[in-house]
Amino acid sequence: MSRLALVAGTGRLPLELTQALAEPPLICALEGNTPEGLEVDVRFSLSRLVPFLRHLGDQGVESVALVGAMNRPRLDPEHFDRDTASLMPDLMTALQQGDDGALRWLMALLEEFDFTLKGVAELAPELLAAEGVLTARAPNHAEQADAARGSEILAALDPQDVGQGCVVAARLCLAVEALYGTDIMLEQVASARDQREPTAGGVLVKRAKRGQDLRADIPAIGPDTIEALRAARLTGVCLQASHTLILDRSRTLAAAEAAGLTIWATP
C-alpha cells in the first residue's frame, strides 16, 4: 500500500494536517525544524538529501507533503555524500532566487525521484479559509477599501517574491511582509503606530503570490496573529479564499470575536 511522507516544518500546521488524515503519515523533519505536537519518525539533513529520498522509497512512500515553515539549515560540505554534493550547484542557484526558487527546485527533485507531491488543499481542504465573512462582524466600507488596496500592493510585488502579506490603514501602506514573516511585520507596525496618523484601524491582507505553488507554501494566520493584530491596533484581516489557512481555527476565530475584529475571505 502506498504511503504518505509528511516533511514537517515548524508550527502547528503539520499537526493539524496529520489529525485531518485518515491514515497516519510518515513524519519526517529536516534538521533545525521541530514540528509542534508530533513524534518525528525520520530526521534528515540537507547534506544527505539523496539517501533520505531513497530511504523514503524503501519505506513504500509514493507521495510527499511539505508542510510548515522550514528553517534553512547551514550547509557543511564535509558532510555531503557524493550524490547529494552533485546537486548543490543547482540548489545554490535556486536559493539565490528566493524561497520560491528553492521550493521549486526541491519539488522538481522529488518528482525526479518519482514521488507525487501533495498539498494541504488536496489532503485537507477543510483547513482552508472559505469565501465570505468568518466572524460575526462583517468588514465596513473603510476596511474593504483597505483590503482592496492591500491586494493591489501584493499583486504589484508578486514578481519580486517578497512576501504574502501587508498592512493598510486609510488606504496607506504601513508595512509589507518580508523575509522575517507576518509576526515581525505586525510588531513593527505596533511599535510605530503613535508616530503618525492613522494611529489605529486598518487591516492585514494575506494572499498567495501569483503562480505560487500551494503544495509547498501557503499563507496562514493563527491565534498569535490575532494577538499581534490587537497590539498593532488593526481591526480586520482579509484572506484569499481557498489559498490561505486558519490554524487552530476555533481558537483563532474566538480570539478575533473577543477583540471585535473582522475576518473575511475574498477570491
C-alpha atoms as a PDB file:
ATOM      1  CA  MET A   1       0.000   0.000   0.000  1.00  0.00           C
ATOM      2  CA  SER A   2       1.301   3.463  -0.863  1.00  0.00           C
ATOM      3  CA  ARG A   3       2.281   5.733   1.995  1.00  0.00           C
ATOM      4  CA  LEU A   4       2.404   9.475   2.505  1.00  0.00           C
ATOM      5  CA  ALA A   5       5.522  11.104   3.945  1.00  0.00           C
ATOM      6  CA  LEU A   6       4.958  14.432   5.658  1.00  0.00           C
ATOM      7  CA  VAL A   7       8.101  16.591   5.694  1.00  0.00           C
ATOM      8  CA  ALA A   8       7.162  18.708   8.678  1.00  0.00           C
ATOM      9  CA  GLY A   9       8.454  22.176   9.413  1.00  0.00           C
ATOM     10  CA  THR A  10       7.831  24.313  12.462  1.00  0.00           C
ATOM     11  CA  GLY A  11       4.473  25.481  13.798  1.00  0.00           C
ATOM     12  CA  ARG A  12       1.087  23.840  14.232  1.00  0.00           C
ATOM     13  CA  LEU A  13       0.139  23.065  10.629  1.00  0.00           C
ATOM     14  CA  PRO A  14       1.856  19.636  10.416  1.00  0.00           C
ATOM     15  CA  LEU A  15      -0.104  18.517  13.491  1.00  0.00           C
ATOM     16  CA  GLU A  16      -3.435  19.808  12.156  1.00  0.00           C
ATOM     17  CA  LEU A  17      -2.880  18.128   8.802  1.00  0.00           C
ATOM     18  CA  THR A  18      -1.905  14.844  10.447  1.00  0.00           C
ATOM     19  CA  GLN A  19      -5.074  14.931  12.554  1.00  0.00           C
ATOM     20  CA  ALA A  20      -7.176  15.517   9.419  1.00  0.00           C
ATOM     21  CA  LEU A  21      -5.779  12.497   7.559  1.00  0.00           C
ATOM     22  CA  ALA A  22      -7.472   9.106   7.575  1.00  0.00           C
ATOM     23  CA  GLU A  23      -4.130   7.265   7.759  1.00  0.00           C
ATOM     24  CA  PRO A  24      -1.080   8.402   9.778  1.00  0.00           C
ATOM     25  CA  PRO A  25       1.768   9.631   7.548  1.00  0.00           C
ATOM     26  CA  LEU A  26       5.475   9.036   7.989  1.00  0.00           C
ATOM     27  CA  ILE A  27       6.631  12.152   9.881  1.00  0.00           C
ATOM     28  CA  CYS A  28       9.967  13.488   8.638  1.00  0.00           C
ATOM     29  CA  ALA A  29      11.816  16.600   9.798  1.00  0.00           C
ATOM     30  CA  LEU A  30      14.779  18.479   8.372  1.00  0.00           C
ATOM     31  CA  GLU A  31      17.482  19.263  10.926  1.00  0.00           C
ATOM     32  CA  GLY A  32      16.754  22.509  12.765  1.00  0.00           C
ATOM     33  CA  ASN A  33      12.980  22.076  12.471  1.00  0.00           C
ATOM     34  CA  THR A  34      10.755  20.721  15.258  1.00  0.00           C
ATOM     35  CA  PRO A  35       7.079  20.199  14.407  1.00  0.00           C
ATOM     36  CA  GLU A  36       4.667  21.023  17.208  1.00  0.00           C
ATOM     37  CA  GLY A  37       2.987  18.082  18.913  1.00  0.00           C
ATOM     38  CA  LEU A  38       4.314  15.354  16.607  1.00  0.00           C
ATOM     39  CA  GLU A  39       6.659  12.435  17.132  1.00  0.00           C
ATOM     40  CA  VAL A  40       9.235  12.511  14.329  1.00  0.00           C
ATOM     41  CA  ASP A  41       9.806   9.174  12.588  1.00  0.00           C
ATOM     42  CA  VAL A  42      12.740  10.219  10.380  1.00  0.00           C
ATOM     43  CA  ARG A  43      15.145  13.113  10.848  1.00  0.00           C
ATOM     44  CA  PHE A  44      17.390  14.048   7.948  1.00  0.00           C
ATOM     45  CA  SER A  45      19.973  16.603   6.905  1.00  0.00           C
ATOM     46  CA  LEU A  46      20.213  18.502   3.669  1.00  0.00           C
ATOM     47  CA  SER A  47      23.776  17.241   3.296  1.00  0.00           C
ATOM     48  CA  ARG A  48      22.407  13.710   2.883  1.00  0.00           C
ATOM     49  CA  LEU A  49      19.250  14.514   0.946  1.00  0.00           C
ATOM     50  CA  VAL A  50      19.609  11.793  -1.688  1.00  0.00           C
ATOM     51  CA  PRO A  51      19.996   8.937   0.838  1.00  0.00           C
ATOM     52  CA  PHE A  52      16.934  10.305   2.647  1.00  0.00           C
ATOM     53  CA  LEU A  53      14.853  10.242  -0.539  1.00  0.00           C
ATOM     54  CA  ARG A  54      15.987   6.704  -1.281  1.00  0.00           C
ATOM     55  CA  HIS A  55      15.014   5.707   2.255  1.00  0.00           C
ATOM     56  CA  LEU A  56      11.501   7.033   1.646  1.00  0.00           C
ATOM     57  CA  GLY A  57      11.215   4.829  -1.420  1.00  0.00           C
ATOM     58  CA  ASP A  58      12.384   1.828   0.605  1.00  0.00           C
ATOM     59  CA  GLN A  59       9.620   2.582   3.132  1.00  0.00           C
ATOM     60  CA  GLY A  60       6.931   2.352   0.437  1.00  0.00           C
ATOM     61  CA  VAL A  61       6.391   6.096   0.246  1.00  0.00           C
ATOM     62  CA  GLU A  62       4.848   7.277  -3.027  1.00  0.00           C
ATOM     63  CA  SER A  63       3.548  10.732  -2.032  1.00  0.00           C
ATOM     64  CA  VAL A  64       5.215  13.575  -0.125  1.00  0.00           C
ATOM     65  CA  ALA A  65       3.732  16.668   1.536  1.00  0.00           C
ATOM     66  CA  LEU A  66       5.899  19.658   2.500  1.00  0.00           C
ATOM     67  CA  VAL A  67       4.113  21.277   5.438  1.00  0.00           C
ATOM     68  CA  GLY A  68       5.040  24.089   7.828  1.00  0.00           C
ATOM     69  CA  ALA A  69       7.690  26.783   7.839  1.00  0.00           C
ATOM     70  CA  MET A  70      11.168  25.437   7.142  1.00  0.00           C
ATOM     71  CA  ASN A  71      14.244  26.960   8.743  1.00  0.00           C
ATOM     72  CA  ARG A  72      17.138  26.956   6.307  1.00  0.00           C
ATOM     73  CA  PRO A  73      19.947  24.725   7.590  1.00  0.00           C
ATOM     74  CA  ARG A  74      23.626  25.565   7.427  1.00  0.00           C
ATOM     75  CA  LEU A  75      25.407  23.674   4.682  1.00  0.00           C
ATOM     76  CA  ASP A  76      28.599  21.850   5.677  1.00  0.00           C
ATOM     77  CA  PRO A  77      30.420  20.476   2.606  1.00  0.00           C
ATOM     78  CA  GLU A  78      32.320  17.974   4.752  1.00  0.00           C
ATOM     79  CA  HIS A  79      29.150  16.011   5.486  1.00  0.00           C
ATOM     80  CA  PHE A  80      27.804  15.697   1.950  1.00  0.00           C
ATOM     81  CA  ASP A  81      27.583  12.302   0.318  1.00  0.00           C
ATOM     82  CA  ARG A  82      28.681  12.171  -3.315  1.00  0.00           C
ATOM     83  CA  ASP A  83      25.188  12.063  -4.845  1.00  0.00           C
ATOM     84  CA  THR A  84      23.859  14.952  -2.774  1.00  0.00           C
ATOM     85  CA  ALA A  85      27.003  17.001  -3.411  1.00  0.00           C
ATOM     86  CA  SER A  86      26.368  16.743  -7.143  1.00  0.00           C
ATOM     87  CA  LEU A  87      23.047  18.575  -6.613  1.00  0.00           C
ATOM     88  CA  MET A  88      24.490  21.521  -4.716  1.00  0.00           C
ATOM     89  CA  PRO A  89      25.322  23.833  -7.646  1.00  0.00           C
ATOM     90  CA  ASP A  90      21.674  23.731  -8.746  1.00  0.00           C
ATOM     91  CA  LEU A  91      20.461  24.191  -5.155  1.00  0.00           C
ATOM     92  CA  MET A  92      22.699  27.222  -4.592  1.00  0.00           C
ATOM     93  CA  THR A  93      21.379  28.769  -7.791  1.00  0.00           C
ATOM     94  CA  ALA A  94      17.822  28.102  -6.631  1.00  0.00           C
ATOM     95  CA  LEU A  95      18.469  29.645  -3.202  1.00  0.00           C
ATOM     96  CA  GLN A  96      19.584  32.851  -4.888  1.00  0.00           C
ATOM     97  CA  GLN A  97      16.112  33.054  -6.443  1.00  0.00           C
ATOM     98  CA  GLY A  98      14.419  33.262  -3.031  1.00  0.00           C
ATOM     99  CA  ASP A  99      12.192  30.846  -1.163  1.00  0.00           C
ATOM    100  CA  ASP A 100      10.032  30.194  -4.210  1.00  0.00           C
ATOM    101  CA  GLY A 101      13.094  29.216  -6.217  1.00  0.00           C
ATOM    102  CA  ALA A 102      14.319  26.819  -3.534  1.00  0.00           C
ATOM    103  CA  LEU A 103      10.888  25.231  -3.222  1.00  0.00           C
ATOM    104  CA  ARG A 104      10.568  24.788  -6.976  1.00  0.00           C
ATOM    105  CA  TRP A 105      13.956  23.070  -7.026  1.00  0.00           C
ATOM    106  CA  LEU A 106      13.001  20.713  -4.194  1.00  0.00           C
ATOM    107  CA  MET A 107       9.638  19.906  -5.759  1.00  0.00           C
ATOM    108  CA  ALA A 108      11.275  19.097  -9.084  1.00  0.00           C
ATOM    109  CA  LEU A 109      13.780  16.847  -7.306  1.00  0.00           C
ATOM    110  CA  LEU A 110      11.000  14.949  -5.533  1.00  0.00           C
ATOM    111  CA  GLU A 111       9.316  14.351  -8.874  1.00  0.00           C
ATOM    112  CA  GLU A 112      12.618  13.137 -10.343  1.00  0.00           C
ATOM    113  CA  PHE A 113      12.577  10.500  -7.596  1.00  0.00           C
ATOM    114  CA  ASP A 114       9.050   9.530  -8.734  1.00  0.00           C
ATOM    115  CA  PHE A 115       7.259  10.955  -5.693  1.00  0.00           C
ATOM    116  CA  THR A 116       3.890  12.665  -6.089  1.00  0.00           C
ATOM    117  CA  LEU A 117       3.798  15.998  -4.306  1.00  0.00           C
ATOM    118  CA  LYS A 118       0.581  16.681  -2.396  1.00  0.00           C
ATOM    119  CA  GLY A 119      -0.527  19.872  -0.655  1.00  0.00           C
ATOM    120  CA  VAL A 120      -2.855  20.807   2.154  1.00  0.00           C
ATOM    121  CA  ALA A 121      -5.502  21.953  -0.337  1.00  0.00           C
ATOM    122  CA  GLU A 122      -5.694  18.413  -1.723  1.00  0.00           C
ATOM    123  CA  LEU A 123      -5.223  16.473   1.509  1.00  0.00           C
ATOM    124  CA  ALA A 124      -7.402  18.559   3.854  1.00  0.00           C
ATOM    125  CA  PRO A 125      -9.290  21.337   2.026  1.00  0.00           C
ATOM    126  CA  GLU A 126     -11.383  21.948   5.139  1.00  0.00           C
ATOM    127  CA  LEU A 127      -8.381  23.697   6.697  1.00  0.00           C
ATOM    128  CA  LEU A 128      -8.529  26.485   4.092  1.00  0.00           C
ATOM    129  CA  ALA A 129     -10.470  29.733   4.505  1.00  0.00           C
ATOM    130  CA  ALA A 130     -13.737  29.640   2.570  1.00  0.00           C
ATOM    131  CA  GLU A 131     -15.008  32.730   0.775  1.00  0.00           C
ATOM    132  CA  GLY A 132     -17.154  35.032   2.909  1.00  0.00           C
ATOM    133  CA  VAL A 133     -17.237  36.600   6.358  1.00  0.00           C
ATOM    134  CA  LEU A 134     -15.866  34.268   9.038  1.00  0.00           C
ATOM    135  CA  THR A 135     -16.671  36.357  12.129  1.00  0.00           C
ATOM    136  CA  ALA A 136     -19.879  37.873  13.474  1.00  0.00           C
ATOM    137  CA  ARG A 137     -18.838  41.353  12.392  1.00  0.00           C
ATOM    138  CA  ALA A 138     -18.585  41.984   8.664  1.00  0.00           C
ATOM    139  CA  PRO A 139     -15.973  44.423   7.291  1.00  0.00           C
ATOM    140  CA  ASN A 140     -17.102  48.035   6.958  1.00  0.00           C
ATOM    141  CA  HIS A 141     -16.536  50.174   3.885  1.00  0.00           C
ATOM    142  CA  ALA A 142     -13.179  51.518   5.085  1.00  0.00           C
ATOM    143  CA  GLU A 143     -11.878  48.030   5.872  1.00  0.00           C
ATOM    144  CA  GLN A 144     -12.949  46.744   2.474  1.00  0.00           C
ATOM    145  CA  ALA A 145     -11.200  49.690   0.798  1.00  0.00           C
ATOM    146  CA  ASP A 146      -8.006  48.977   2.770  1.00  0.00           C
ATOM    147  CA  ALA A 147      -8.183  45.308   1.781  1.00  0.00           C
ATOM    148  CA  ALA A 148      -8.576  46.205  -1.884  1.00  0.00           C
ATOM    149  CA  ARG A 149      -5.550  48.499  -1.657  1.00  0.00           C
ATOM    150  CA  GLY A 150      -3.550  45.769   0.072  1.00  0.00           C
ATOM    151  CA  SER A 151      -4.409  43.301  -2.673  1.00  0.00           C
ATOM    152  CA  GLU A 152      -3.171  45.804  -5.263  1.00  0.00           C
ATOM    153  CA  ILE A 153       0.116  46.207  -3.391  1.00  0.00           C
ATOM    154  CA  LEU A 154       0.714  42.460  -3.095  1.00  0.00           C
ATOM    155  CA  ALA A 155      -0.117  41.945  -6.764  1.00  0.00           C
ATOM    156  CA  ALA A 156       2.480  44.556  -7.701  1.00  0.00           C
ATOM    157  CA  LEU A 157       5.090  42.765  -5.557  1.00  0.00           C
ATOM    158  CA  ASP A 158       4.334  39.295  -6.942  1.00  0.00           C
ATOM    159  CA  PRO A 159       7.250  39.231  -9.408  1.00  0.00           C
ATOM    160  CA  GLN A 160       9.725  40.162  -6.635  1.00  0.00           C
ATOM    161  CA  ASP A 161       9.000  37.152  -4.361  1.00  0.00           C
ATOM    162  CA  VAL A 162       8.870  39.443  -1.312  1.00  0.00           C
ATOM    163  CA  GLY A 163       6.063  38.219   0.926  1.00  0.00           C
ATOM    164  CA  GLN A 164       2.451  37.191   1.307  1.00  0.00           C
ATOM    165  CA  GLY A 165       1.062  39.987   3.438  1.00  0.00           C
ATOM    166  CA  CYS A 166       0.827  43.706   4.037  1.00  0.00           C
ATOM    167  CA  VAL A 167      -0.876  46.154   6.402  1.00  0.00           C
ATOM    168  CA  VAL A 168      -3.018  49.006   5.082  1.00  0.00           C
ATOM    169  CA  ALA A 169      -4.870  51.732   7.016  1.00  0.00           C
ATOM    170  CA  ALA A 170      -6.809  54.593   5.429  1.00  0.00           C
ATOM    171  CA  ARG A 171      -5.503  53.186   2.105  1.00  0.00           C
ATOM    172  CA  LEU A 172      -1.920  53.881   3.244  1.00  0.00           C
ATOM    173  CA  CYS A 173       0.588  51.018   3.268  1.00  0.00           C
ATOM    174  CA  LEU A 174       2.018  50.727   6.792  1.00  0.00           C
ATOM    175  CA  ALA A 175       4.137  47.619   6.200  1.00  0.00           C
ATOM    176  CA  VAL A 176       4.927  44.808   3.791  1.00  0.00           C
ATOM    177  CA  GLU A 177       5.816  41.296   4.897  1.00  0.00           C
ATOM    178  CA  ALA A 178       9.373  40.283   4.022  1.00  0.00           C
ATOM    179  CA  LEU A 179      11.793  37.514   4.998  1.00  0.00           C
ATOM    180  CA  TYR A 180      11.049  37.676   8.748  1.00  0.00           C
ATOM    181  CA  GLY A 181       7.343  36.960   8.319  1.00  0.00           C
ATOM    182  CA  THR A 182       3.977  38.269   9.422  1.00  0.00           C
ATOM    183  CA  ASP A 183       4.573  38.400  13.176  1.00  0.00           C
ATOM    184  CA  ILE A 184       7.667  40.609  12.848  1.00  0.00           C
ATOM    185  CA  MET A 185       5.837  42.878  10.398  1.00  0.00           C
ATOM    186  CA  LEU A 186       2.979  43.328  12.868  1.00  0.00           C
ATOM    187  CA  GLU A 187       5.412  44.015  15.711  1.00  0.00           C
ATOM    188  CA  GLN A 188       6.958  46.779  13.644  1.00  0.00           C
ATOM    189  CA  VAL A 189       3.538  48.311  12.984  1.00  0.00           C
ATOM    190  CA  ALA A 190       2.670  48.159  16.687  1.00  0.00           C
ATOM    191  CA  SER A 191       5.900  49.893  17.682  1.00  0.00           C
ATOM    192  CA  ALA A 192       5.425  52.720  15.160  1.00  0.00           C
ATOM    193  CA  ARG A 193       1.686  53.460  15.336  1.00  0.00           C
ATOM    194  CA  ASP A 194       1.977  56.521  17.568  1.00  0.00           C
ATOM    195  CA  GLN A 195       4.450  58.199  15.233  1.00  0.00           C
ATOM    196  CA  ARG A 196       1.856  59.399  12.709  1.00  0.00           C
ATOM    197  CA  GLU A 197      -1.777  59.158  11.689  1.00  0.00           C
ATOM    198  CA  PRO A 198      -3.668  56.914  11.406  1.00  0.00           C
ATOM    199  CA  THR A 199      -2.714  55.645  14.877  1.00  0.00           C
ATOM    200  CA  ALA A 200      -5.434  52.975  14.867  1.00  0.00           C
ATOM    201  CA  GLY A 201      -7.508  50.972  12.404  1.00  0.00           C
ATOM    202  CA  GLY A 202      -6.555  49.172   9.230  1.00  0.00           C
ATOM    203  CA  VAL A 203      -6.330  45.592   8.041  1.00  0.00           C
ATOM    204  CA  LEU A 204      -3.873  42.799   7.481  1.00  0.00           C
ATOM    205  CA  VAL A 205      -4.108  41.362   3.974  1.00  0.00           C
ATOM    206  CA  LYS A 206      -2.781  37.828   3.366  1.00  0.00           C
ATOM    207  CA  ARG A 207      -2.701  36.407  -0.149  1.00  0.00           C
ATOM    208  CA  ALA A 208      -0.711  33.822  -2.053  1.00  0.00           C
ATOM    209  CA  LYS A 209       1.680  35.191  -4.639  1.00  0.00           C
ATOM    210  CA  ARG A 210       0.534  34.846  -8.244  1.00  0.00           C
ATOM    211  CA  GLY A 211       1.740  31.499  -9.557  1.00  0.00           C
ATOM    212  CA  GLN A 212       2.707  30.305  -6.083  1.00  0.00           C
ATOM    213  CA  ASP A 213       2.570  26.537  -5.802  1.00  0.00           C
ATOM    214  CA  LEU A 214       0.351  25.939  -2.786  1.00  0.00           C
ATOM    215  CA  ARG A 215       1.513  22.342  -2.491  1.00  0.00           C
ATOM    216  CA  ALA A 216       4.603  23.574  -0.653  1.00  0.00           C
ATOM    217  CA  ASP A 217       3.900  27.064   0.661  1.00  0.00           C
ATOM    218  CA  ILE A 218       0.579  28.512   1.762  1.00  0.00           C
ATOM    219  CA  PRO A 219      -0.192  31.715   3.726  1.00  0.00           C
ATOM    220  CA  ALA A 220      -1.653  31.238   7.202  1.00  0.00           C
ATOM    221  CA  ILE A 221      -2.907  33.025  10.308  1.00  0.00           C
ATOM    222  CA  GLY A 222      -3.453  31.698  13.824  1.00  0.00           C
ATOM    223  CA  PRO A 223      -4.114  32.749  17.424  1.00  0.00           C
ATOM    224  CA  ASP A 224      -0.774  34.554  17.684  1.00  0.00           C
ATOM    225  CA  THR A 225      -1.731  36.614  14.646  1.00  0.00           C
ATOM    226  CA  ILE A 226      -4.842  37.870  16.438  1.00  0.00           C
ATOM    227  CA  GLU A 227      -2.812  38.988  19.446  1.00  0.00           C
ATOM    228  CA  ALA A 228      -0.382  40.778  17.143  1.00  0.00           C
ATOM    229  CA  LEU A 229      -3.280  42.489  15.352  1.00  0.00           C
ATOM    230  CA  ARG A 230      -4.601  43.808  18.653  1.00  0.00           C
ATOM    231  CA  ALA A 231      -1.185  45.147  19.604  1.00  0.00           C
ATOM    232  CA  ALA A 232      -0.943  46.865  16.201  1.00  0.00           C
ATOM    233  CA  ARG A 233      -4.446  48.389  16.689  1.00  0.00           C
ATOM    234  CA  LEU A 234      -5.750  46.806  13.497  1.00  0.00           C
ATOM    235  CA  THR A 235      -9.407  45.931  13.102  1.00  0.00           C
ATOM    236  CA  GLY A 236      -9.524  43.189  10.496  1.00  0.00           C
ATOM    237  CA  VAL A 237      -7.938  40.518   8.344  1.00  0.00           C
ATOM    238  CA  CYS A 238      -8.698  39.886   4.687  1.00  0.00           C
ATOM    239  CA  LEU A 239      -7.623  36.462   3.414  1.00  0.00           C
ATOM    240  CA  GLN A 240      -7.579  34.952  -0.036  1.00  0.00           C
ATOM    241  CA  ALA A 241     -10.285  32.321  -0.190  1.00  0.00           C
ATOM    242  CA  SER A 242      -9.079  28.742  -0.801  1.00  0.00           C
ATOM    243  CA  HIS A 243      -5.471  29.987  -0.743  1.00  0.00           C
ATOM    244  CA  THR A 244      -4.919  30.668   2.978  1.00  0.00           C
ATOM    245  CA  LEU A 245      -5.068  28.629   6.173  1.00  0.00           C
ATOM    246  CA  ILE A 246      -6.578  29.408   9.550  1.00  0.00           C
ATOM    247  CA  LEU A 247      -4.566  27.454  12.099  1.00  0.00           C
ATOM    248  CA  ASP A 248      -6.305  26.371  15.320  1.00  0.00           C
ATOM    249  CA  ARG A 249      -9.474  27.708  13.697  1.00  0.00           C
ATOM    250  CA  SER A 250     -11.864  27.678  16.664  1.00  0.00           C
ATOM    251  CA  ARG A 251      -9.383  29.409  18.965  1.00  0.00           C
ATOM    252  CA  THR A 252      -8.368  31.922  16.287  1.00  0.00           C
ATOM    253  CA  LEU A 253     -11.926  32.922  15.455  1.00  0.00           C
ATOM    254  CA  ALA A 254     -12.896  33.086  19.142  1.00  0.00           C
ATOM    255  CA  ALA A 255      -9.975  35.428  19.831  1.00  0.00           C
ATOM    256  CA  ALA A 256     -10.983  37.603  16.885  1.00  0.00           C
ATOM    257  CA  GLU A 257     -14.568  37.774  18.136  1.00  0.00           C
ATOM    258  CA  ALA A 258     -13.414  38.734  21.632  1.00  0.00           C
ATOM    259  CA  ALA A 259     -11.268  41.514  20.160  1.00  0.00           C
ATOM    260  CA  GLY A 260     -14.050  42.816  17.922  1.00  0.00           C
ATOM    261  CA  LEU A 261     -12.038  42.024  14.792  1.00  0.00           C
ATOM    262  CA  THR A 262     -13.484  41.049  11.443  1.00  0.00           C
ATOM    263  CA  ILE A 263     -12.033  38.233   9.341  1.00  0.00           C
ATOM    264  CA  TRP A 264     -13.224  37.631   5.806  1.00  0.00           C
ATOM    265  CA  ALA A 265     -12.011  35.914   2.653  1.00  0.00           C
ATOM    266  CA  THR A 266     -12.267  37.143  -0.916  1.00  0.00           C
ATOM    267  CA  PRO A 267     -11.391  35.494  -4.245  1.00  0.00           C
END
